[in-house]
Amino acid sequence: MDKNKSIILVLALAVTALFSFKQYEQAAPKETMTLIVSNRNNNMLVNISTTGSSSRFEQRRVKAESDHDYSGALQIIKEQQAKGWQIKSSNYATSLAADSDQDYYLYFLLEK
């Protein structure tokens, strides 16, 4: 009987330990937004993609003063930050096509 009592006691303690810890709720999935800004010959195209509770895609054209003027794109980023979005990552890249001028790209990842 001592062996059976000790097995029952161990099982009772194990079950109590399993259910005594607070169960944490899953965090709500975050919404993400990507902005890809291409600037070529003073014409800037901003591609905005949002995922989360609802997904959407938007394109905006912004006039730039020069090849490296991203103030219009940065204004769009500021607008999104005012709505609660935070920049998590950004990058800058160039691309050379054999038959065209150099293209410049900015990448932004935002979260809410």
C-alpha atoms as a PDB file:
ATOM      1  CA  MET A   1       0.000   0.000   0.000  1.00  0.00           C
ATOM      2  CA  ASP A   2       2.835   2.407   0.632  1.00  0.00           C
ATOM      3  CA  LYS A   3       3.930   2.077  -2.993  1.00  0.00           C
ATOM      4  CA  ASN A   4       0.401   2.859  -4.279  1.00  0.00           C
ATOM      5  CA  LYS A   5       0.065   5.831  -1.940  1.00  0.00           C
ATOM      6  CA  SER A   6       3.410   7.266  -3.080  1.00  0.00           C
ATOM      7  CA  ILE A   7       2.454   6.844  -6.761  1.00  0.00           C
ATOM      8  CA  ILE A   8      -0.872   8.604  -6.152  1.00  0.00           C
ATOM      9  CA  LEU A   9       0.898  11.353  -4.207  1.00  0.00           C
ATOM     10  CA  VAL A  10       3.434  11.881  -7.007  1.00  0.00           C
ATOM     11  CA  LEU A  11       0.668  11.988  -9.633  1.00  0.00           C
ATOM     12  CA  ALA A  12      -1.350  14.439  -7.538  1.00  0.00           C
ATOM     13  CA  LEU A  13       1.683  16.706  -7.135  1.00  0.00           C
ATOM     14  CA  ALA A  14       2.438  16.510 -10.852  1.00  0.00           C
ATOM     15  CA  VAL A  15      -1.145  17.420 -11.802  1.00  0.00           C
ATOM     16  CA  THR A  16      -1.171  20.244  -9.246  1.00  0.00           C
ATOM     17  CA  ALA A  17       2.120  21.589 -10.606  1.00  0.00           C
ATOM     18  CA  LEU A  18       0.840  21.489 -14.182  1.00  0.00           C
ATOM     19  CA  PHE A  19      -2.340  23.392 -13.433  1.00  0.00           C
ATOM     20  CA  SER A  20      -1.010  25.766 -10.797  1.00  0.00           C
ATOM     21  CA  PHE A  21       1.085  27.807 -13.225  1.00  0.00           C
ATOM     22  CA  LYS A  22      -0.708  30.728 -14.793  1.00  0.00           C
ATOM     23  CA  GLN A  23      -1.540  30.094 -18.394  1.00  0.00           C
ATOM     24  CA  TYR A  24      -0.439  33.022 -20.531  1.00  0.00           C
ATOM     25  CA  GLU A  25      -2.658  34.234 -23.307  1.00  0.00           C
ATOM     26  CA  GLN A  26      -1.257  34.376 -26.783  1.00  0.00           C
ATOM     27  CA  ALA A  27      -0.267  37.910 -27.720  1.00  0.00           C
ATOM     28  CA  ALA A  28      -2.331  39.454 -30.463  1.00  0.00           C
ATOM     29  CA  PRO A  29      -0.529  39.230 -33.802  1.00  0.00           C
ATOM     30  CA  LYS A  30       1.125  42.471 -34.762  1.00  0.00           C
ATOM     31  CA  GLU A  31       0.262  44.344 -37.882  1.00  0.00           C
ATOM     32  CA  THR A  32       3.135  44.925 -40.298  1.00  0.00           C
ATOM     33  CA  MET A  33       3.642  47.467 -43.029  1.00  0.00           C
ATOM     34  CA  THR A  34       6.307  47.469 -45.715  1.00  0.00           C
ATOM     35  CA  LEU A  35       7.219  50.524 -47.731  1.00  0.00           C
ATOM     36  CA  ILE A  36       9.379  50.184 -50.832  1.00  0.00           C
ATOM     37  CA  VAL A  37      10.426  53.509 -52.264  1.00  0.00           C
ATOM     38  CA  SER A  38      11.945  53.652 -55.745  1.00  0.00           C
ATOM     39  CA  ASN A  39      13.448  56.898 -56.991  1.00  0.00           C
ATOM     40  CA  ARG A  40      14.430  57.262 -60.607  1.00  0.00           C
ATOM     41  CA  ASN A  41      14.904  60.513 -62.476  1.00  0.00           C
ATOM     42  CA  ASN A  42      13.073  62.626 -59.878  1.00  0.00           C
ATOM     43  CA  ASN A  43       9.966  60.417 -59.974  1.00  0.00           C
ATOM     44  CA  MET A  44       9.393  58.548 -56.744  1.00  0.00           C
ATOM     45  CA  LEU A  45       7.021  55.607 -56.420  1.00  0.00           C
ATOM     46  CA  VAL A  46       6.061  54.501 -52.891  1.00  0.00           C
ATOM     47  CA  ASN A  47       4.564  50.993 -52.591  1.00  0.00           C
ATOM     48  CA  ILE A  48       2.789  50.463 -49.261  1.00  0.00           C
ATOM     49  CA  SER A  49       1.662  46.990 -48.199  1.00  0.00           C
ATOM     50  CA  THR A  50      -0.106  46.307 -44.894  1.00  0.00           C
ATOM     51  CA  THR A  51      -0.905  42.954 -43.300  1.00  0.00           C
ATOM     52  CA  GLY A  52      -2.709  42.139 -40.073  1.00  0.00           C
ATOM     53  CA  SER A  53      -6.409  42.230 -39.315  1.00  0.00           C
ATOM     54  CA  SER A  54      -6.908  43.538 -42.843  1.00  0.00           C
ATOM     55  CA  SER A  55      -4.479  43.607 -45.768  1.00  0.00           C
ATOM     56  CA  ARG A  56      -4.133  46.383 -48.288  1.00  0.00           C
ATOM     57  CA  PHE A  57      -1.793  47.614 -50.997  1.00  0.00           C
ATOM     58  CA  GLU A  58      -1.378  51.214 -52.075  1.00  0.00           C
ATOM     59  CA  GLN A  59       0.890  53.086 -54.474  1.00  0.00           C
ATOM     60  CA  ARG A  60       1.720  56.778 -54.236  1.00  0.00           C
ATOM     61  CA  ARG A  61       3.678  58.905 -56.674  1.00  0.00           C
ATOM     62  CA  VAL A  62       5.756  61.700 -55.186  1.00  0.00           C
ATOM     63  CA  LYS A  63       7.766  64.320 -57.035  1.00  0.00           C
ATOM     64  CA  ALA A  64      11.397  64.501 -55.899  1.00  0.00           C
ATOM     65  CA  GLU A  65      13.722  67.468 -56.352  1.00  0.00           C
ATOM     66  CA  SER A  66      16.711  65.265 -57.225  1.00  0.00           C
ATOM     67  CA  ASP A  67      17.756  61.608 -57.519  1.00  0.00           C
ATOM     68  CA  HIS A  68      18.510  61.370 -53.812  1.00  0.00           C
ATOM     69  CA  ASP A  69      15.616  63.443 -52.441  1.00  0.00           C
ATOM     70  CA  TYR A  70      13.533  61.134 -50.257  1.00  0.00           C
ATOM     71  CA  SER A  71      11.786  63.850 -48.267  1.00  0.00           C
ATOM     72  CA  GLY A  72       8.394  62.896 -49.764  1.00  0.00           C
ATOM     73  CA  ALA A  73       8.833  59.281 -48.676  1.00  0.00           C
ATOM     74  CA  LEU A  74       9.999  60.337 -45.232  1.00  0.00           C
ATOM     75  CA  GLN A  75       6.883  62.492 -44.915  1.00  0.00           C
ATOM     76  CA  ILE A  76       4.772  59.383 -45.573  1.00  0.00           C
ATOM     77  CA  ILE A  77       6.760  57.542 -42.855  1.00  0.00           C
ATOM     78  CA  LYS A  78       6.080  60.420 -40.434  1.00  0.00           C
ATOM     79  CA  GLU A  79       2.355  60.208 -41.209  1.00  0.00           C
ATOM     80  CA  GLN A  80       2.384  56.490 -40.393  1.00  0.00           C
ATOM     81  CA  GLN A  81       4.328  57.067 -37.173  1.00  0.00           C
ATOM     82  CA  ALA A  82       1.688  59.579 -36.103  1.00  0.00           C
ATOM     83  CA  LYS A  83      -0.850  56.738 -36.531  1.00  0.00           C
ATOM     84  CA  GLY A  84       1.098  54.502 -34.127  1.00  0.00           C
ATOM     85  CA  TRP A  85       3.425  52.641 -36.506  1.00  0.00           C
ATOM     86  CA  GLN A  86       7.061  52.097 -35.465  1.00  0.00           C
ATOM     87  CA  ILE A  87      10.031  51.506 -37.756  1.00  0.00           C
ATOM     88  CA  LYS A  88      11.563  48.078 -37.079  1.00  0.00           C
ATOM     89  CA  SER A  89      13.982  47.892 -39.997  1.00  0.00           C
ATOM     90  CA  SER A  90      15.136  49.861 -43.023  1.00  0.00           C
ATOM     91  CA  ASN A  91      17.570  49.402 -45.869  1.00  0.00           C
ATOM     92  CA  TYR A  92      18.923  51.191 -48.936  1.00  0.00           C
ATOM     93  CA  ALA A  93      19.772  49.467 -52.217  1.00  0.00           C
ATOM     94  CA  THR A  94      20.717  50.322 -55.781  1.00  0.00           C
ATOM     95  CA  SER A  95      20.129  48.406 -58.956  1.00  0.00           C
ATOM     96  CA  LEU A  96      21.897  48.751 -62.274  1.00  0.00           C
ATOM     97  CA  ALA A  97      19.966  47.607 -65.289  1.00  0.00           C
ATOM     98  CA  ALA A  98      21.998  47.127 -68.439  1.00  0.00           C
ATOM     99  CA  ASP A  99      19.851  49.459 -70.537  1.00  0.00           C
ATOM    100  CA  SER A 100      18.857  52.196 -68.074  1.00  0.00           C
ATOM    101  CA  ASP A 101      20.022  54.658 -65.470  1.00  0.00           C
ATOM    102  CA  GLN A 102      20.649  53.589 -61.900  1.00  0.00           C
ATOM    103  CA  ASP A 103      17.605  52.996 -59.707  1.00  0.00           C
ATOM    104  CA  TYR A 104      17.598  53.679 -55.948  1.00  0.00           C
ATOM    105  CA  TYR A 105      15.411  51.856 -53.437  1.00  0.00           C
ATOM    106  CA  LEU A 106      14.560  52.409 -49.790  1.00  0.00           C
ATOM    107  CA  TYR A 107      12.935  49.633 -47.781  1.00  0.00           C
ATOM    108  CA  PHE A 108      11.068  50.146 -44.498  1.00  0.00           C
ATOM    109  CA  LEU A 109       9.418  47.620 -42.193  1.00  0.00           C
ATOM    110  CA  LEU A 110       6.975  49.064 -39.656  1.00  0.00           C
ATOM    111  CA  GLU A 111       4.983  47.385 -36.876  1.00  0.00           C
ATOM    112  CA  LYS A 112       1.958  48.360 -34.870  1.00  0.00           C
END
